[in-house]
Amino acid sequence: KKGLEILEISLDTDKAAWASVVKSQNLPWINANDGLGTASSTIVLYNVATLPQTYLIVDGKFAEKKIEGEKALRKILDASL
């Protein structure tokens, strides 16, 4: 309702296993699979050192370099939305 959209991108190369997990979890957000590795250029571009990784983009700009944990995410969301 406040304009938040979540996009999850998996780098899992076993697309069938990934699809099974997404379906079983009934996740309410957009889930995409990049098992072919085309997202790897994005990983390099944004200096992603570990996975999973969470980014928040507000008005086209990164709100934080790195968000660690639910508490940090909630704090940023409360300030941004």
PDB file of N, CA and C in Angstrom:
ATOM      1  N   LYS A   1       0.822  -1.199   0.000  1.00  0.00           N
ATOM      2  CA  LYS A   1       0.000   0.000   0.000  1.00  0.00           C
ATOM      3  C   LYS A   1       0.863   1.259   0.000  1.00  0.00           C
ATOM      4  N   LYS A   2       2.094   1.132   0.500  1.00  0.00           N
ATOM      5  CA  LYS A   2       2.976   2.289   0.571  1.00  0.00           C
ATOM      6  C   LYS A   2       3.969   2.328  -0.588  1.00  0.00           C
ATOM      7  N   GLY A   3       3.824   1.413  -1.542  1.00  0.00           N
ATOM      8  CA  GLY A   3       4.683   1.438  -2.711  1.00  0.00           C
ATOM      9  C   GLY A   3       5.914   0.555  -2.625  1.00  0.00           C
ATOM     10  N   LEU A   4       5.938  -0.393  -1.724  1.00  0.00           N
ATOM     11  CA  LEU A   4       7.067  -1.300  -1.598  1.00  0.00           C
ATOM     12  C   LEU A   4       6.869  -2.495  -2.516  1.00  0.00           C
ATOM     13  N   GLU A   5       7.878  -2.817  -3.285  1.00  0.00           N
ATOM     14  CA  GLU A   5       7.843  -4.006  -4.126  1.00  0.00           C
ATOM     15  C   GLU A   5       9.108  -4.803  -3.869  1.00  0.00           C
ATOM     16  N   ILE A   6       8.957  -6.106  -3.728  1.00  0.00           N
ATOM     17  CA  ILE A   6      10.084  -6.981  -3.447  1.00  0.00           C
ATOM     18  C   ILE A   6      10.370  -7.819  -4.686  1.00  0.00           C
ATOM     19  N   LEU A   7      11.631  -7.933  -5.030  1.00  0.00           N
ATOM     20  CA  LEU A   7      12.091  -8.763  -6.136  1.00  0.00           C
ATOM     21  C   LEU A   7      13.203  -9.652  -5.604  1.00  0.00           C
ATOM     22  N   GLU A   8      13.033 -10.930  -5.773  1.00  0.00           N
ATOM     23  CA  GLU A   8      14.033 -11.896  -5.333  1.00  0.00           C
ATOM     24  C   GLU A   8      14.636 -12.543  -6.567  1.00  0.00           C
ATOM     25  N   ILE A   9      15.964 -12.571  -6.629  1.00  0.00           N
ATOM     26  CA  ILE A   9      16.644 -13.202  -7.753  1.00  0.00           C
ATOM     27  C   ILE A   9      17.520 -14.315  -7.208  1.00  0.00           C
ATOM     28  N   SER A  10      17.249 -15.524  -7.675  1.00  0.00           N
ATOM     29  CA  SER A  10      18.033 -16.679  -7.259  1.00  0.00           C
ATOM     30  C   SER A  10      19.093 -16.972  -8.309  1.00  0.00           C
ATOM     31  N   LEU A  11      20.261 -17.392  -7.856  1.00  0.00           N
ATOM     32  CA  LEU A  11      21.327 -17.803  -8.768  1.00  0.00           C
ATOM     33  C   LEU A  11      21.448 -19.323  -8.811  1.00  0.00           C
ATOM     34  N   ASP A  12      20.429 -20.001  -8.294  1.00  0.00           N
ATOM     35  CA  ASP A  12      20.423 -21.457  -8.248  1.00  0.00           C
ATOM     36  C   ASP A  12      20.448 -22.035  -9.657  1.00  0.00           C
ATOM     37  N   THR A  13      21.370 -22.943  -9.916  1.00  0.00           N
ATOM     38  CA  THR A  13      21.456 -23.539 -11.251  1.00  0.00           C
ATOM     39  C   THR A  13      20.470 -24.686 -11.441  1.00  0.00           C
ATOM     40  N   ASP A  14      19.907 -25.207 -10.362  1.00  0.00           N
ATOM     41  CA  ASP A  14      18.888 -26.250 -10.466  1.00  0.00           C
ATOM     42  C   ASP A  14      17.518 -25.577 -10.445  1.00  0.00           C
ATOM     43  N   LYS A  15      17.045 -25.236 -11.636  1.00  0.00           N
ATOM     44  CA  LYS A  15      15.807 -24.460 -11.748  1.00  0.00           C
ATOM     45  C   LYS A  15      14.600 -25.217 -11.205  1.00  0.00           C
ATOM     46  N   ALA A  16      14.559 -26.516 -11.393  1.00  0.00           N
ATOM     47  CA  ALA A  16      13.426 -27.314 -10.895  1.00  0.00           C
ATOM     48  C   ALA A  16      13.373 -27.278  -9.363  1.00  0.00           C
ATOM     49  N   ALA A  17      14.519 -27.431  -8.718  1.00  0.00           N
ATOM     50  CA  ALA A  17      14.566 -27.385  -7.248  1.00  0.00           C
ATOM     51  C   ALA A  17      14.180 -26.001  -6.757  1.00  0.00           C
ATOM     52  N   TRP A  18      14.692 -24.961  -7.414  1.00  0.00           N
ATOM     53  CA  TRP A  18      14.354 -23.580  -7.050  1.00  0.00           C
ATOM     54  C   TRP A  18      12.850 -23.355  -7.169  1.00  0.00           C
ATOM     55  N   ALA A  19      12.265 -23.768  -8.284  1.00  0.00           N
ATOM     56  CA  ALA A  19      10.827 -23.573  -8.513  1.00  0.00           C
ATOM     57  C   ALA A  19       9.999 -24.302  -7.462  1.00  0.00           C
ATOM     58  N   SER A  20      10.451 -25.480  -7.070  1.00  0.00           N
ATOM     59  CA  SER A  20       9.742 -26.255  -6.048  1.00  0.00           C
ATOM     60  C   SER A  20       9.733 -25.523  -4.705  1.00  0.00           C
ATOM     61  N   VAL A  21      10.862 -24.949  -4.330  1.00  0.00           N
ATOM     62  CA  VAL A  21      10.960 -24.214  -3.067  1.00  0.00           C
ATOM     63  C   VAL A  21      10.071 -22.971  -3.111  1.00  0.00           C
ATOM     64  N   VAL A  22      10.135 -22.225  -4.201  1.00  0.00           N
ATOM     65  CA  VAL A  22       9.309 -21.012  -4.339  1.00  0.00           C
ATOM     66  C   VAL A  22       7.831 -21.374  -4.224  1.00  0.00           C
ATOM     67  N   LYS A  23       7.431 -22.440  -4.913  1.00  0.00           N
ATOM     68  CA  LYS A  23       6.025 -22.857  -4.880  1.00  0.00           C
ATOM     69  C   LYS A  23       5.616 -23.310  -3.480  1.00  0.00           C
ATOM     70  N   SER A  24       6.467 -24.083  -2.810  1.00  0.00           N
ATOM     71  CA  SER A  24       6.115 -24.601  -1.482  1.00  0.00           C
ATOM     72  C   SER A  24       6.043 -23.486  -0.433  1.00  0.00           C
ATOM     73  N   GLN A  25       6.859 -22.437  -0.612  1.00  0.00           N
ATOM     74  CA  GLN A  25       6.858 -21.342   0.353  1.00  0.00           C
ATOM     75  C   GLN A  25       5.742 -20.340   0.081  1.00  0.00           C
ATOM     76  N   ASN A  26       5.140 -20.409  -1.096  1.00  0.00           N
ATOM     77  CA  ASN A  26       4.041 -19.515  -1.452  1.00  0.00           C
ATOM     78  C   ASN A  26       4.402 -18.045  -1.193  1.00  0.00           C
ATOM     79  N   LEU A  27       5.572 -17.659  -1.676  1.00  0.00           N
ATOM     80  CA  LEU A  27       6.077 -16.304  -1.443  1.00  0.00           C
ATOM     81  C   LEU A  27       5.253 -15.274  -2.211  1.00  0.00           C
ATOM     82  N   PRO A  28       4.880 -14.177  -1.568  1.00  0.00           N
ATOM     83  CA  PRO A  28       3.979 -13.201  -2.182  1.00  0.00           C
ATOM     84  C   PRO A  28       4.664 -12.167  -3.075  1.00  0.00           C
ATOM     85  N   TRP A  29       5.969 -12.294  -3.298  1.00  0.00           N
ATOM     86  CA  TRP A  29       6.669 -11.307  -4.115  1.00  0.00           C
ATOM     87  C   TRP A  29       7.204 -11.954  -5.383  1.00  0.00           C
ATOM     88  N   ILE A  30       7.766 -11.131  -6.246  1.00  0.00           N
ATOM     89  CA  ILE A  30       8.304 -11.596  -7.526  1.00  0.00           C
ATOM     90  C   ILE A  30       9.572 -12.407  -7.259  1.00  0.00           C
ATOM     91  N   ASN A  31       9.613 -13.600  -7.835  1.00  0.00           N
ATOM     92  CA  ASN A  31      10.766 -14.479  -7.722  1.00  0.00           C
ATOM     93  C   ASN A  31      11.280 -14.777  -9.121  1.00  0.00           C
ATOM     94  N   ALA A  32      12.551 -14.567  -9.341  1.00  0.00           N
ATOM     95  CA  ALA A  32      13.158 -14.844 -10.638  1.00  0.00           C
ATOM     96  C   ALA A  32      14.375 -15.730 -10.423  1.00  0.00           C
ATOM     97  N   ASN A  33      14.704 -16.496 -11.445  1.00  0.00           N
ATOM     98  CA  ASN A  33      15.858 -17.379 -11.372  1.00  0.00           C
ATOM     99  C   ASN A  33      16.838 -17.000 -12.469  1.00  0.00           C
ATOM    100  N   ASP A  34      18.096 -16.842 -12.093  1.00  0.00           N
ATOM    101  CA  ASP A  34      19.153 -16.534 -13.041  1.00  0.00           C
ATOM    102  C   ASP A  34      20.233 -17.600 -12.966  1.00  0.00           C
ATOM    103  N   GLY A  35      19.813 -18.831 -13.134  1.00  0.00           N
ATOM    104  CA  GLY A  35      20.736 -19.949 -13.074  1.00  0.00           C
ATOM    105  C   GLY A  35      21.774 -19.943 -14.174  1.00  0.00           C
ATOM    106  N   LEU A  36      21.552 -19.146 -15.209  1.00  0.00           N
ATOM    107  CA  LEU A  36      22.528 -19.055 -16.296  1.00  0.00           C
ATOM    108  C   LEU A  36      23.667 -18.110 -15.969  1.00  0.00           C
ATOM    109  N   GLY A  37      23.516 -17.327 -14.888  1.00  0.00           N
ATOM    110  CA  GLY A  37      24.591 -16.465 -14.445  1.00  0.00           C
ATOM    111  C   GLY A  37      24.626 -15.085 -15.059  1.00  0.00           C
ATOM    112  N   THR A  38      23.562 -14.671 -15.734  1.00  0.00           N
ATOM    113  CA  THR A  38      23.575 -13.338 -16.335  1.00  0.00           C
ATOM    114  C   THR A  38      23.547 -12.243 -15.279  1.00  0.00           C
ATOM    115  N   ALA A  39      23.129 -12.573 -14.060  1.00  0.00           N
ATOM    116  CA  ALA A  39      23.138 -11.584 -12.974  1.00  0.00           C
ATOM    117  C   ALA A  39      24.536 -11.406 -12.401  1.00  0.00           C
ATOM    118  N   SER A  40      25.458 -12.267 -12.795  1.00  0.00           N
ATOM    119  CA  SER A  40      26.801 -12.174 -12.227  1.00  0.00           C
ATOM    120  C   SER A  40      27.458 -10.833 -12.517  1.00  0.00           C
ATOM    121  N   SER A  41      27.123 -10.209 -13.637  1.00  0.00           N
ATOM    122  CA  SER A  41      27.678  -8.879 -13.906  1.00  0.00           C
ATOM    123  C   SER A  41      27.150  -7.872 -12.896  1.00  0.00           C
ATOM    124  N   THR A  42      25.914  -8.053 -12.450  1.00  0.00           N
ATOM    125  CA  THR A  42      25.332  -7.188 -11.425  1.00  0.00           C
ATOM    126  C   THR A  42      26.044  -7.409 -10.092  1.00  0.00           C
ATOM    127  N   ILE A  43      26.388  -8.644  -9.792  1.00  0.00           N
ATOM    128  CA  ILE A  43      27.097  -8.968  -8.556  1.00  0.00           C
ATOM    129  C   ILE A  43      28.431  -8.231  -8.521  1.00  0.00           C
ATOM    130  N   VAL A  44      29.131  -8.219  -9.630  1.00  0.00           N
ATOM    131  CA  VAL A  44      30.413  -7.521  -9.713  1.00  0.00           C
ATOM    132  C   VAL A  44      30.197  -6.015  -9.631  1.00  0.00           C
ATOM    133  N   LEU A  45      29.197  -5.513 -10.366  1.00  0.00           N
ATOM    134  CA  LEU A  45      28.922  -4.084 -10.420  1.00  0.00           C
ATOM    135  C   LEU A  45      28.643  -3.505  -9.035  1.00  0.00           C
ATOM    136  N   TYR A  46      27.878  -4.226  -8.209  1.00  0.00           N
ATOM    137  CA  TYR A  46      27.499  -3.733  -6.890  1.00  0.00           C
ATOM    138  C   TYR A  46      28.359  -4.310  -5.769  1.00  0.00           C
ATOM    139  N   ASN A  47      29.458  -4.972  -6.132  1.00  0.00           N
ATOM    140  CA  ASN A  47      30.424  -5.481  -5.171  1.00  0.00           C
ATOM    141  C   ASN A  47      29.782  -6.394  -4.129  1.00  0.00           C
ATOM    142  N   VAL A  48      28.968  -7.324  -4.581  1.00  0.00           N
ATOM    143  CA  VAL A  48      28.318  -8.283  -3.697  1.00  0.00           C
ATOM    144  C   VAL A  48      29.334  -9.361  -3.342  1.00  0.00           C
ATOM    145  N   ALA A  49      29.654  -9.474  -2.058  1.00  0.00           N
ATOM    146  CA  ALA A  49      30.662 -10.432  -1.616  1.00  0.00           C
ATOM    147  C   ALA A  49      30.037 -11.711  -1.058  1.00  0.00           C
ATOM    148  N   THR A  50      28.809 -11.617  -0.536  1.00  0.00           N
ATOM    149  CA  THR A  50      28.144 -12.777   0.046  1.00  0.00           C
ATOM    150  C   THR A  50      26.682 -12.809  -0.397  1.00  0.00           C
ATOM    151  N   LEU A  51      26.113 -14.005  -0.353  1.00  0.00           N
ATOM    152  CA  LEU A  51      24.691 -14.178  -0.643  1.00  0.00           C
ATOM    153  C   LEU A  51      24.065 -14.886   0.542  1.00  0.00           C
ATOM    154  N   PRO A  52      22.828 -14.646   0.913  1.00  0.00           N
ATOM    155  CA  PRO A  52      21.939 -13.669   0.259  1.00  0.00           C
ATOM    156  C   PRO A  52      22.336 -12.233   0.587  1.00  0.00           C
ATOM    157  N   GLN A  53      21.841 -11.332  -0.200  1.00  0.00           N
ATOM    158  CA  GLN A  53      22.119  -9.913  -0.050  1.00  0.00           C
ATOM    159  C   GLN A  53      20.824  -9.135  -0.216  1.00  0.00           C
ATOM    160  N   THR A  54      20.642  -8.093   0.551  1.00  0.00           N
ATOM    161  CA  THR A  54      19.433  -7.285   0.493  1.00  0.00           C
ATOM    162  C   THR A  54      19.796  -5.851   0.194  1.00  0.00           C
ATOM    163  N   TYR A  55      19.091  -5.278  -0.777  1.00  0.00           N
ATOM    164  CA  TYR A  55      19.270  -3.872  -1.113  1.00  0.00           C
ATOM    165  C   TYR A  55      17.913  -3.200  -1.109  1.00  0.00           C
ATOM    166  N   LEU A  56      17.880  -1.960  -0.723  1.00  0.00           N
ATOM    167  CA  LEU A  56      16.668  -1.166  -0.775  1.00  0.00           C
ATOM    168  C   LEU A  56      16.932   0.012  -1.697  1.00  0.00           C
ATOM    169  N   ILE A  57      16.090   0.144  -2.703  1.00  0.00           N
ATOM    170  CA  ILE A  57      16.218   1.240  -3.652  1.00  0.00           C
ATOM    171  C   ILE A  57      15.032   2.170  -3.439  1.00  0.00           C
ATOM    172  N   VAL A  58      15.315   3.427  -3.122  1.00  0.00           N
ATOM    173  CA  VAL A  58      14.277   4.423  -2.877  1.00  0.00           C
ATOM    174  C   VAL A  58      14.459   5.533  -3.902  1.00  0.00           C
ATOM    175  N   ASP A  59      13.411   5.785  -4.665  1.00  0.00           N
ATOM    176  CA  ASP A  59      13.451   6.812  -5.706  1.00  0.00           C
ATOM    177  C   ASP A  59      14.650   6.649  -6.632  1.00  0.00           C
ATOM    178  N   GLY A  60      14.950   5.390  -6.990  1.00  0.00           N
ATOM    179  CA  GLY A  60      16.013   5.102  -7.940  1.00  0.00           C
ATOM    180  C   GLY A  60      17.417   5.116  -7.377  1.00  0.00           C
ATOM    181  N   LYS A  61      17.565   5.283  -6.054  1.00  0.00           N
ATOM    182  CA  LYS A  61      18.900   5.317  -5.443  1.00  0.00           C
ATOM    183  C   LYS A  61      18.972   4.316  -4.295  1.00  0.00           C
ATOM    184  N   PHE A  62      20.155   3.726  -4.109  1.00  0.00           N
ATOM    185  CA  PHE A  62      20.331   2.800  -3.005  1.00  0.00           C
ATOM    186  C   PHE A  62      20.206   3.540  -1.682  1.00  0.00           C
ATOM    187  N   ALA A  63      19.365   3.008  -0.785  1.00  0.00           N
ATOM    188  CA  ALA A  63      19.162   3.624   0.520  1.00  0.00           C
ATOM    189  C   ALA A  63      20.325   3.307   1.463  1.00  0.00           C
ATOM    190  N   GLU A  64      20.897   2.159   1.330  1.00  0.00           N
ATOM    191  CA  GLU A  64      22.002   1.721   2.182  1.00  0.00           C
ATOM    192  C   GLU A  64      22.925   0.856   1.338  1.00  0.00           C
ATOM    193  N   LYS A  65      24.187   0.805   1.709  1.00  0.00           N
ATOM    194  CA  LYS A  65      25.131  -0.076   1.013  1.00  0.00           C
ATOM    195  C   LYS A  65      24.796  -1.539   1.306  1.00  0.00           C
ATOM    196  N   LYS A  66      24.563  -1.863   2.577  1.00  0.00           N
ATOM    197  CA  LYS A  66      24.299  -3.238   2.962  1.00  0.00           C
ATOM    198  C   LYS A  66      23.293  -3.250   4.098  1.00  0.00           C
ATOM    199  N   ILE A  67      22.313  -4.118   3.991  1.00  0.00           N
ATOM    200  CA  ILE A  67      21.300  -4.241   5.035  1.00  0.00           C
ATOM    201  C   ILE A  67      21.478  -5.615   5.661  1.00  0.00           C
ATOM    202  N   GLU A  68      21.734  -5.644   6.953  1.00  0.00           N
ATOM    203  CA  GLU A  68      21.954  -6.909   7.639  1.00  0.00           C
ATOM    204  C   GLU A  68      20.853  -7.158   8.658  1.00  0.00           C
ATOM    205  N   GLY A  69      19.986  -8.096   8.347  1.00  0.00           N
ATOM    206  CA  GLY A  69      18.966  -8.518   9.278  1.00  0.00           C
ATOM    207  C   GLY A  69      17.662  -7.746   9.191  1.00  0.00           C
ATOM    208  N   GLU A  70      16.652  -8.369   9.768  1.00  0.00           N
ATOM    209  CA  GLU A  70      15.298  -7.819   9.726  1.00  0.00           C
ATOM    210  C   GLU A  70      15.191  -6.486  10.455  1.00  0.00           C
ATOM    211  N   LYS A  71      15.849  -6.354  11.594  1.00  0.00           N
ATOM    212  CA  LYS A  71      15.769  -5.123  12.375  1.00  0.00           C
ATOM    213  C   LYS A  71      16.294  -3.925  11.575  1.00  0.00           C
ATOM    214  N   ALA A  72      17.422  -4.112  10.905  1.00  0.00           N
ATOM    215  CA  ALA A  72      18.000  -3.031  10.085  1.00  0.00           C
ATOM    216  C   ALA A  72      17.077  -2.705   8.914  1.00  0.00           C
ATOM    217  N   LEU A  73      16.512  -3.735   8.302  1.00  0.00           N
ATOM    218  CA  LEU A  73      15.590  -3.500   7.172  1.00  0.00           C
ATOM    219  C   LEU A  73      14.351  -2.734   7.625  1.00  0.00           C
ATOM    220  N   ARG A  74      13.769  -3.131   8.754  1.00  0.00           N
ATOM    221  CA  ARG A  74      12.580  -2.436   9.268  1.00  0.00           C
ATOM    222  C   ARG A  74      12.873  -0.962   9.566  1.00  0.00           C
ATOM    223  N   LYS A  75      14.042  -0.694  10.136  1.00  0.00           N
ATOM    224  CA  LYS A  75      14.425   0.682  10.448  1.00  0.00           C
ATOM    225  C   LYS A  75      14.500   1.520   9.168  1.00  0.00           C
ATOM    226  N   ILE A  76      15.104   0.995   8.159  1.00  0.00           N
ATOM    227  CA  ILE A  76      15.234   1.719   6.893  1.00  0.00           C
ATOM    228  C   ILE A  76      13.868   1.888   6.225  1.00  0.00           C
ATOM    229  N   LEU A  77      13.050   0.843   6.255  1.00  0.00           N
ATOM    230  CA  LEU A  77      11.713   0.936   5.659  1.00  0.00           C
ATOM    231  C   LEU A  77      10.863   1.966   6.380  1.00  0.00           C
ATOM    232  N   ASP A  78      10.923   1.971   7.698  1.00  0.00           N
ATOM    233  CA  ASP A  78      10.138   2.947   8.475  1.00  0.00           C
ATOM    234  C   ASP A  78      10.547   4.385   8.104  1.00  0.00           C
ATOM    235  N   ALA A  79      11.814   4.604   7.875  1.00  0.00           N
ATOM    236  CA  ALA A  79      12.303   5.932   7.533  1.00  0.00           C
ATOM    237  C   ALA A  79      12.004   6.309   6.082  1.00  0.00           C
ATOM    238  N   SER A  80      11.872   5.295   5.216  1.00  0.00           N
ATOM    239  CA  SER A  80      11.737   5.553   3.779  1.00  0.00           C
ATOM    240  C   SER A  80      10.302   5.582   3.269  1.00  0.00           C
ATOM    241  N   LEU A  81       9.413   4.872   3.939  1.00  0.00           N
ATOM    242  CA  LEU A  81       8.026   4.782   3.441  1.00  0.00           C
ATOM    243  C   LEU A  81       7.091   5.678   4.196  1.00  0.00           C
TER     244      LEU A  81
END
